[in-house]
Amino acid sequence: MKLTAEQKRLLLAISGGSFLKSHRYPDGEKLYQLHPLDGPAQAVDWGVVEALTGQGLIDSNKKFPAATYWLTDKGRAAVAALAEQA
């Protein structure tokens, strides 16, 4: 599995305790934000989230208006592999 630097950063952030949320609005707009334990939320490109979801590395509770994402078993294994590489 080939991950981009941004995908790796997001996986590591989630594993480190940050919360990834998608904020949906009635007009159809959807924003992805990473909420760290300390500091302001950071925008995340939808393509990064879609790629990780498509690879089965993260999933969400699909809630409206704000869904929360987490690492799947496959995502936790990818994070462990990243830690071994470092």
PDB file of N, CA and C in Angstrom:
ATOM      1  N   MET A   1       0.841  -1.167   0.000  1.00  0.00           N
ATOM      2  CA  MET A   1       0.000   0.000   0.000  1.00  0.00           C
ATOM      3  C   MET A   1       0.890   1.236   0.000  1.00  0.00           C
ATOM      4  N   LYS A   2       0.658   2.103  -0.940  1.00  0.00           N
ATOM      5  CA  LYS A   2       1.435   3.329  -1.077  1.00  0.00           C
ATOM      6  C   LYS A   2       0.601   4.492  -0.532  1.00  0.00           C
ATOM      7  N   LEU A   3       1.146   5.179   0.460  1.00  0.00           N
ATOM      8  CA  LEU A   3       0.463   6.323   1.059  1.00  0.00           C
ATOM      9  C   LEU A   3       1.246   7.590   0.781  1.00  0.00           C
ATOM     10  N   THR A   4       0.518   8.680   0.549  1.00  0.00           N
ATOM     11  CA  THR A   4       1.170   9.974   0.374  1.00  0.00           C
ATOM     12  C   THR A   4       1.598  10.497   1.743  1.00  0.00           C
ATOM     13  N   ALA A   5       2.433  11.504   1.725  1.00  0.00           N
ATOM     14  CA  ALA A   5       2.883  12.117   2.983  1.00  0.00           C
ATOM     15  C   ALA A   5       1.694  12.664   3.770  1.00  0.00           C
ATOM     16  N   GLU A   6       0.735  13.255   3.081  1.00  0.00           N
ATOM     17  CA  GLU A   6      -0.440  13.821   3.759  1.00  0.00           C
ATOM     18  C   GLU A   6      -1.317  12.718   4.358  1.00  0.00           C
ATOM     19  N   GLN A   7      -1.460  11.609   3.658  1.00  0.00           N
ATOM     20  CA  GLN A   7      -2.231  10.482   4.188  1.00  0.00           C
ATOM     21  C   GLN A   7      -1.564   9.917   5.434  1.00  0.00           C
ATOM     22  N   LYS A   8      -0.241   9.773   5.390  1.00  0.00           N
ATOM     23  CA  LYS A   8       0.499   9.285   6.552  1.00  0.00           C
ATOM     24  C   LYS A   8       0.334  10.236   7.732  1.00  0.00           C
ATOM     25  N   ARG A   9       0.455  11.545   7.455  1.00  0.00           N
ATOM     26  CA  ARG A   9       0.321  12.541   8.518  1.00  0.00           C
ATOM     27  C   ARG A   9      -1.048  12.451   9.186  1.00  0.00           C
ATOM     28  N   LEU A  10      -2.098  12.270   8.378  1.00  0.00           N
ATOM     29  CA  LEU A  10      -3.448  12.190   8.921  1.00  0.00           C
ATOM     30  C   LEU A  10      -3.639  10.920   9.747  1.00  0.00           C
ATOM     31  N   LEU A  11      -3.155   9.787   9.250  1.00  0.00           N
ATOM     32  CA  LEU A  11      -3.256   8.541  10.019  1.00  0.00           C
ATOM     33  C   LEU A  11      -2.543   8.669  11.362  1.00  0.00           C
ATOM     34  N   LEU A  12      -1.338   9.246  11.341  1.00  0.00           N
ATOM     35  CA  LEU A  12      -0.579   9.401  12.581  1.00  0.00           C
ATOM     36  C   LEU A  12      -1.259  10.380  13.527  1.00  0.00           C
ATOM     37  N   ALA A  13      -1.872  11.419  12.996  1.00  0.00           N
ATOM     38  CA  ALA A  13      -2.580  12.383  13.841  1.00  0.00           C
ATOM     39  C   ALA A  13      -3.776  11.726  14.531  1.00  0.00           C
ATOM     40  N   ILE A  14      -4.529  10.937  13.778  1.00  0.00           N
ATOM     41  CA  ILE A  14      -5.683  10.243  14.368  1.00  0.00           C
ATOM     42  C   ILE A  14      -5.204   9.258  15.434  1.00  0.00           C
ATOM     43  N   SER A  15      -4.150   8.531  15.133  1.00  0.00           N
ATOM     44  CA  SER A  15      -3.640   7.555  16.110  1.00  0.00           C
ATOM     45  C   SER A  15      -3.091   8.256  17.348  1.00  0.00           C
ATOM     46  N   GLY A  16      -2.673   9.517  17.202  1.00  0.00           N
ATOM     47  CA  GLY A  16      -2.141  10.284  18.321  1.00  0.00           C
ATOM     48  C   GLY A  16      -3.194  11.002  19.140  1.00  0.00           C
ATOM     49  N   GLY A  17      -4.463  10.841  18.790  1.00  0.00           N
ATOM     50  CA  GLY A  17      -5.528  11.419  19.598  1.00  0.00           C
ATOM     51  C   GLY A  17      -6.303  12.553  18.961  1.00  0.00           C
ATOM     52  N   SER A  18      -5.898  13.006  17.785  1.00  0.00           N
ATOM     53  CA  SER A  18      -6.663  14.055  17.100  1.00  0.00           C
ATOM     54  C   SER A  18      -7.954  13.462  16.547  1.00  0.00           C
ATOM     55  N   PHE A  19      -8.957  14.305  16.412  1.00  0.00           N
ATOM     56  CA  PHE A  19     -10.251  13.873  15.897  1.00  0.00           C
ATOM     57  C   PHE A  19     -10.448  14.410  14.491  1.00  0.00           C
ATOM     58  N   LEU A  20     -10.747  13.519  13.541  1.00  0.00           N
ATOM     59  CA  LEU A  20     -11.089  13.917  12.186  1.00  0.00           C
ATOM     60  C   LEU A  20     -12.606  13.936  12.093  1.00  0.00           C
ATOM     61  N   LYS A  21     -13.136  15.070  11.637  1.00  0.00           N
ATOM     62  CA  LYS A  21     -14.587  15.201  11.503  1.00  0.00           C
ATOM     63  C   LYS A  21     -14.924  15.745  10.124  1.00  0.00           C
ATOM     64  N   SER A  22     -16.062  15.300   9.614  1.00  0.00           N
ATOM     65  CA  SER A  22     -16.613  15.917   8.407  1.00  0.00           C
ATOM     66  C   SER A  22     -17.832  16.712   8.851  1.00  0.00           C
ATOM     67  N   HIS A  23     -17.833  17.969   8.512  1.00  0.00           N
ATOM     68  CA  HIS A  23     -18.925  18.872   8.863  1.00  0.00           C
ATOM     69  C   HIS A  23     -19.770  19.070   7.613  1.00  0.00           C
ATOM     70  N   ARG A  24     -21.020  18.601   7.682  1.00  0.00           N
ATOM     71  CA  ARG A  24     -21.913  18.692   6.529  1.00  0.00           C
ATOM     72  C   ARG A  24     -22.955  19.773   6.769  1.00  0.00           C
ATOM     73  N   TYR A  25     -23.287  20.460   5.701  1.00  0.00           N
ATOM     74  CA  TYR A  25     -24.245  21.557   5.770  1.00  0.00           C
ATOM     75  C   TYR A  25     -25.452  21.233   4.907  1.00  0.00           C
ATOM     76  N   PRO A  26     -26.624  21.795   5.236  1.00  0.00           N
ATOM     77  CA  PRO A  26     -27.846  21.484   4.474  1.00  0.00           C
ATOM     78  C   PRO A  26     -27.734  21.763   2.976  1.00  0.00           C
ATOM     79  N   ASP A  27     -26.878  22.712   2.583  1.00  0.00           N
ATOM     80  CA  ASP A  27     -26.737  23.015   1.157  1.00  0.00           C
ATOM     81  C   ASP A  27     -25.846  22.017   0.427  1.00  0.00           C
ATOM     82  N   GLY A  28     -25.340  20.992   1.138  1.00  0.00           N
ATOM     83  CA  GLY A  28     -24.525  19.952   0.524  1.00  0.00           C
ATOM     84  C   GLY A  28     -23.036  20.123   0.718  1.00  0.00           C
ATOM     85  N   GLU A  29     -22.621  21.285   1.219  1.00  0.00           N
ATOM     86  CA  GLU A  29     -21.195  21.512   1.452  1.00  0.00           C
ATOM     87  C   GLU A  29     -20.692  20.566   2.548  1.00  0.00           C
ATOM     88  N   LYS A  30     -19.482  20.064   2.369  1.00  0.00           N
ATOM     89  CA  LYS A  30     -18.872  19.167   3.343  1.00  0.00           C
ATOM     90  C   LYS A  30     -17.432  19.602   3.559  1.00  0.00           C
ATOM     91  N   LEU A  31     -17.074  19.857   4.807  1.00  0.00           N
ATOM     92  CA  LEU A  31     -15.722  20.254   5.158  1.00  0.00           C
ATOM     93  C   LEU A  31     -15.121  19.213   6.082  1.00  0.00           C
ATOM     94  N   TYR A  32     -13.868  18.876   5.829  1.00  0.00           N
ATOM     95  CA  TYR A  32     -13.145  17.952   6.694  1.00  0.00           C
ATOM     96  C   TYR A  32     -12.185  18.761   7.549  1.00  0.00           C
ATOM     97  N   GLN A  33     -12.200  18.497   8.853  1.00  0.00           N
ATOM     98  CA  GLN A  33     -11.311  19.198   9.768  1.00  0.00           C
ATOM     99  C   GLN A  33     -10.697  18.218  10.753  1.00  0.00           C
ATOM    100  N   LEU A  34      -9.414  18.445  11.014  1.00  0.00           N
ATOM    101  CA  LEU A  34      -8.690  17.676  12.011  1.00  0.00           C
ATOM    102  C   LEU A  34      -8.644  18.520  13.274  1.00  0.00           C
ATOM    103  N   HIS A  35      -9.176  17.970  14.352  1.00  0.00           N
ATOM    104  CA  HIS A  35      -9.245  18.668  15.631  1.00  0.00           C
ATOM    105  C   HIS A  35      -8.184  18.075  16.557  1.00  0.00           C
ATOM    106  N   PRO A  36      -7.044  18.769  16.700  1.00  0.00           N
ATOM    107  CA  PRO A  36      -6.002  18.258  17.604  1.00  0.00           C
ATOM    108  C   PRO A  36      -6.416  18.445  19.053  1.00  0.00           C
ATOM    109  N   LEU A  37      -5.734  17.751  19.943  1.00  0.00           N
ATOM    110  CA  LEU A  37      -6.032  17.892  21.368  1.00  0.00           C
ATOM    111  C   LEU A  37      -5.716  19.297  21.856  1.00  0.00           C
ATOM    112  N   ASP A  38      -4.732  19.928  21.233  1.00  0.00           N
ATOM    113  CA  ASP A  38      -4.313  21.284  21.583  1.00  0.00           C
ATOM    114  C   ASP A  38      -4.272  22.139  20.330  1.00  0.00           C
ATOM    115  N   GLY A  39      -4.920  23.270  20.332  1.00  0.00           N
ATOM    116  CA  GLY A  39      -4.836  24.169  19.200  1.00  0.00           C
ATOM    117  C   GLY A  39      -6.069  24.151  18.323  1.00  0.00           C
ATOM    118  N   PRO A  40      -6.066  24.999  17.303  1.00  0.00           N
ATOM    119  CA  PRO A  40      -7.228  25.134  16.422  1.00  0.00           C
ATOM    120  C   PRO A  40      -7.355  23.971  15.435  1.00  0.00           C
ATOM    121  N   ALA A  41      -8.574  23.794  14.939  1.00  0.00           N
ATOM    122  CA  ALA A  41      -8.831  22.779  13.917  1.00  0.00           C
ATOM    123  C   ALA A  41      -8.114  23.156  12.628  1.00  0.00           C
ATOM    124  N   GLN A  42      -7.741  22.135  11.869  1.00  0.00           N
ATOM    125  CA  GLN A  42      -7.031  22.323  10.599  1.00  0.00           C
ATOM    126  C   GLN A  42      -7.847  21.691   9.480  1.00  0.00           C
ATOM    127  N   ALA A  43      -7.951  22.403   8.370  1.00  0.00           N
ATOM    128  CA  ALA A  43      -8.667  21.871   7.207  1.00  0.00           C
ATOM    129  C   ALA A  43      -7.903  20.689   6.629  1.00  0.00           C
ATOM    130  N   VAL A  44      -8.640  19.703   6.157  1.00  0.00           N
ATOM    131  CA  VAL A  44      -8.064  18.514   5.525  1.00  0.00           C
ATOM    132  C   VAL A  44      -8.697  18.377   4.143  1.00  0.00           C
ATOM    133  N   ASP A  45      -7.888  18.122   3.149  1.00  0.00           N
ATOM    134  CA  ASP A  45      -8.373  17.959   1.785  1.00  0.00           C
ATOM    135  C   ASP A  45      -9.268  16.723   1.683  1.00  0.00           C
ATOM    136  N   TRP A  46     -10.405  16.874   1.022  1.00  0.00           N
ATOM    137  CA  TRP A  46     -11.350  15.764   0.919  1.00  0.00           C
ATOM    138  C   TRP A  46     -10.731  14.561   0.224  1.00  0.00           C
ATOM    139  N   GLY A  47      -9.823  14.792  -0.716  1.00  0.00           N
ATOM    140  CA  GLY A  47      -9.197  13.696  -1.446  1.00  0.00           C
ATOM    141  C   GLY A  47      -8.380  12.785  -0.547  1.00  0.00           C
ATOM    142  N   VAL A  48      -7.761  13.355   0.475  1.00  0.00           N
ATOM    143  CA  VAL A  48      -6.979  12.568   1.435  1.00  0.00           C
ATOM    144  C   VAL A  48      -7.916  11.655   2.226  1.00  0.00           C
ATOM    145  N   VAL A  49      -9.017  12.214   2.689  1.00  0.00           N
ATOM    146  CA  VAL A  49      -9.991  11.432   3.461  1.00  0.00           C
ATOM    147  C   VAL A  49     -10.610  10.346   2.582  1.00  0.00           C
ATOM    148  N   GLU A  50     -10.987  10.709   1.367  1.00  0.00           N
ATOM    149  CA  GLU A  50     -11.603   9.739   0.461  1.00  0.00           C
ATOM    150  C   GLU A  50     -10.644   8.594   0.139  1.00  0.00           C
ATOM    151  N   ALA A  51      -9.364   8.903  -0.045  1.00  0.00           N
ATOM    152  CA  ALA A  51      -8.376   7.865  -0.348  1.00  0.00           C
ATOM    153  C   ALA A  51      -8.228   6.903   0.826  1.00  0.00           C
ATOM    154  N   LEU A  52      -8.159   7.438   2.038  1.00  0.00           N
ATOM    155  CA  LEU A  52      -8.006   6.581   3.215  1.00  0.00           C
ATOM    156  C   LEU A  52      -9.265   5.753   3.473  1.00  0.00           C
ATOM    157  N   THR A  53     -10.421   6.343   3.228  1.00  0.00           N
ATOM    158  CA  THR A  53     -11.680   5.603   3.376  1.00  0.00           C
ATOM    159  C   THR A  53     -11.755   4.502   2.321  1.00  0.00           C
ATOM    160  N   GLY A  54     -11.392   4.845   1.098  1.00  0.00           N
ATOM    161  CA  GLY A  54     -11.428   3.876   0.002  1.00  0.00           C
ATOM    162  C   GLY A  54     -10.500   2.693   0.211  1.00  0.00           C
ATOM    163  N   GLN A  55      -9.391   2.926   0.912  1.00  0.00           N
ATOM    164  CA  GLN A  55      -8.450   1.846   1.204  1.00  0.00           C
ATOM    165  C   GLN A  55      -8.827   1.075   2.468  1.00  0.00           C
ATOM    166  N   GLY A  56      -9.914   1.498   3.112  1.00  0.00           N
ATOM    167  CA  GLY A  56     -10.365   0.800   4.320  1.00  0.00           C
ATOM    168  C   GLY A  56      -9.525   1.099   5.549  1.00  0.00           C
ATOM    169  N   LEU A  57      -8.806   2.235   5.546  1.00  0.00           N
ATOM    170  CA  LEU A  57      -7.942   2.574   6.679  1.00  0.00           C
ATOM    171  C   LEU A  57      -8.659   3.399   7.748  1.00  0.00           C
ATOM    172  N   ILE A  58      -9.702   4.133   7.336  1.00  0.00           N
ATOM    173  CA  ILE A  58     -10.523   4.886   8.283  1.00  0.00           C
ATOM    174  C   ILE A  58     -11.984   4.671   7.933  1.00  0.00           C
ATOM    175  N   ASP A  59     -12.838   4.905   8.913  1.00  0.00           N
ATOM    176  CA  ASP A  59     -14.287   4.826   8.710  1.00  0.00           C
ATOM    177  C   ASP A  59     -14.919   5.868   9.616  1.00  0.00           C
ATOM    178  N   SER A  60     -16.220   6.124   9.419  1.00  0.00           N
ATOM    179  CA  SER A  60     -16.891   7.135  10.233  1.00  0.00           C
ATOM    180  C   SER A  60     -18.216   6.613  10.750  1.00  0.00           C
ATOM    181  N   ASN A  61     -18.794   7.391  11.666  1.00  0.00           N
ATOM    182  CA  ASN A  61     -20.112   7.040  12.193  1.00  0.00           C
ATOM    183  C   ASN A  61     -21.239   7.590  11.328  1.00  0.00           C
ATOM    184  N   LYS A  62     -20.894   8.320  10.265  1.00  0.00           N
ATOM    185  CA  LYS A  62     -21.846   8.815   9.257  1.00  0.00           C
ATOM    186  C   LYS A  62     -22.976   9.648   9.860  1.00  0.00           C
ATOM    187  N   LYS A  63     -22.670  10.384  10.899  1.00  0.00           N
ATOM    188  CA  LYS A  63     -23.666  11.231  11.567  1.00  0.00           C
ATOM    189  C   LYS A  63     -23.810  12.558  10.836  1.00  0.00           C
ATOM    190  N   PHE A  64     -24.974  13.173  10.985  1.00  0.00           N
ATOM    191  CA  PHE A  64     -25.229  14.507  10.454  1.00  0.00           C
ATOM    192  C   PHE A  64     -25.512  15.416  11.636  1.00  0.00           C
ATOM    193  N   PRO A  65     -24.927  16.557  11.717  1.00  0.00           N
ATOM    194  CA  PRO A  65     -24.162  17.274  10.712  1.00  0.00           C
ATOM    195  C   PRO A  65     -22.655  17.061  10.792  1.00  0.00           C
ATOM    196  N   ALA A  66     -22.162  16.347  11.810  1.00  0.00           N
ATOM    197  CA  ALA A  66     -20.709  16.158  11.921  1.00  0.00           C
ATOM    198  C   ALA A  66     -20.402  14.688  12.201  1.00  0.00           C
ATOM    199  N   ALA A  67     -19.754  14.044  11.237  1.00  0.00           N
ATOM    200  CA  ALA A  67     -19.350  12.652  11.404  1.00  0.00           C
ATOM    201  C   ALA A  67     -17.929  12.614  11.955  1.00  0.00           C
ATOM    202  N   THR A  68     -17.658  11.626  12.793  1.00  0.00           N
ATOM    203  CA  THR A  68     -16.326  11.443  13.368  1.00  0.00           C
ATOM    204  C   THR A  68     -15.703  10.190  12.760  1.00  0.00           C
ATOM    205  N   TYR A  69     -14.423  10.293  12.416  1.00  0.00           N
ATOM    206  CA  TYR A  69     -13.682   9.187  11.800  1.00  0.00           C
ATOM    207  C   TYR A  69     -12.752   8.533  12.814  1.00  0.00           C
ATOM    208  N   TRP A  70     -12.444   7.266  12.570  1.00  0.00           N
ATOM    209  CA  TRP A  70     -11.515   6.509  13.404  1.00  0.00           C
ATOM    210  C   TRP A  70     -10.713   5.568  12.524  1.00  0.00           C
ATOM    211  N   LEU A  71      -9.652   5.034  13.085  1.00  0.00           N
ATOM    212  CA  LEU A  71      -8.838   4.046  12.381  1.00  0.00           C
ATOM    213  C   LEU A  71      -9.539   2.693  12.422  1.00  0.00           C
ATOM    214  N   THR A  72      -9.553   2.004  11.304  1.00  0.00           N
ATOM    215  CA  THR A  72     -10.038   0.632  11.261  1.00  0.00           C
ATOM    216  C   THR A  72      -8.892  -0.282  11.717  1.00  0.00           C
ATOM    217  N   ASP A  73      -9.151  -1.570  11.806  1.00  0.00           N
ATOM    218  CA  ASP A  73      -8.071  -2.516  12.120  1.00  0.00           C
ATOM    219  C   ASP A  73      -6.956  -2.404  11.086  1.00  0.00           C
ATOM    220  N   LYS A  74      -7.337  -2.275   9.832  1.00  0.00           N
ATOM    221  CA  LYS A  74      -6.352  -2.125   8.756  1.00  0.00           C
ATOM    222  C   LYS A  74      -5.576  -0.808   8.926  1.00  0.00           C
ATOM    223  N   GLY A  75      -6.259   0.234   9.365  1.00  0.00           N
ATOM    224  CA  GLY A  75      -5.606   1.517   9.605  1.00  0.00           C
ATOM    225  C   GLY A  75      -4.616   1.452  10.757  1.00  0.00           C
ATOM    226  N   ARG A  76      -4.988   0.748  11.823  1.00  0.00           N
ATOM    227  CA  ARG A  76      -4.067   0.581  12.959  1.00  0.00           C
ATOM    228  C   ARG A  76      -2.831  -0.214  12.535  1.00  0.00           C
ATOM    229  N   ALA A  77      -3.028  -1.202  11.669  1.00  0.00           N
ATOM    230  CA  ALA A  77      -1.888  -1.978  11.163  1.00  0.00           C
ATOM    231  C   ALA A  77      -0.982  -1.091  10.302  1.00  0.00           C
ATOM    232  N   ALA A  78      -1.578  -0.198   9.517  1.00  0.00           N
ATOM    233  CA  ALA A  78      -0.783   0.716   8.689  1.00  0.00           C
ATOM    234  C   ALA A  78       0.026   1.667   9.569  1.00  0.00           C
ATOM    235  N   VAL A  79      -0.571   2.148  10.657  1.00  0.00           N
ATOM    236  CA  VAL A  79       0.143   3.035  11.582  1.00  0.00           C
ATOM    237  C   VAL A  79       1.299   2.276  12.238  1.00  0.00           C
ATOM    238  N   ALA A  80       1.065   1.028  12.613  1.00  0.00           N
ATOM    239  CA  ALA A  80       2.135   0.210  13.216  1.00  0.00           C
ATOM    240  C   ALA A  80       3.277   0.022  12.214  1.00  0.00           C
ATOM    241  N   ALA A  81       2.948  -0.182  10.947  1.00  0.00           N
ATOM    242  CA  ALA A  81       3.972  -0.338   9.906  1.00  0.00           C
ATOM    243  C   ALA A  81       4.753   0.964   9.722  1.00  0.00           C
ATOM    244  N   LEU A  82       4.064   2.095   9.786  1.00  0.00           N
ATOM    245  CA  LEU A  82       4.737   3.393   9.692  1.00  0.00           C
ATOM    246  C   LEU A  82       5.696   3.598  10.853  1.00  0.00           C
ATOM    247  N   ALA A  83       5.280   3.166  12.040  1.00  0.00           N
ATOM    248  CA  ALA A  83       6.140   3.302  13.224  1.00  0.00           C
ATOM    249  C   ALA A  83       7.400   2.443  13.085  1.00  0.00           C
ATOM    250  N   GLU A  84       7.256   1.269  12.492  1.00  0.00           N
ATOM    251  CA  GLU A  84       8.414   0.373  12.287  1.00  0.00           C
ATOM    252  C   GLU A  84       9.392   0.973  11.282  1.00  0.00           C
ATOM    253  N   GLN A  85       8.851   1.687  10.280  1.00  0.00           N
ATOM    254  CA  GLN A  85       9.705   2.296   9.257  1.00  0.00           C
ATOM    255  C   GLN A  85      10.493   3.478   9.799  1.00  0.00           C
ATOM    256  N   ALA A  86       9.947   4.129  10.827  1.00  0.00           N
ATOM    257  CA  ALA A  86      10.590   5.347  11.367  1.00  0.00           C
ATOM    258  C   ALA A  86      11.781   5.051  12.233  1.00  0.00           C
TER     259      ALA A  86
END
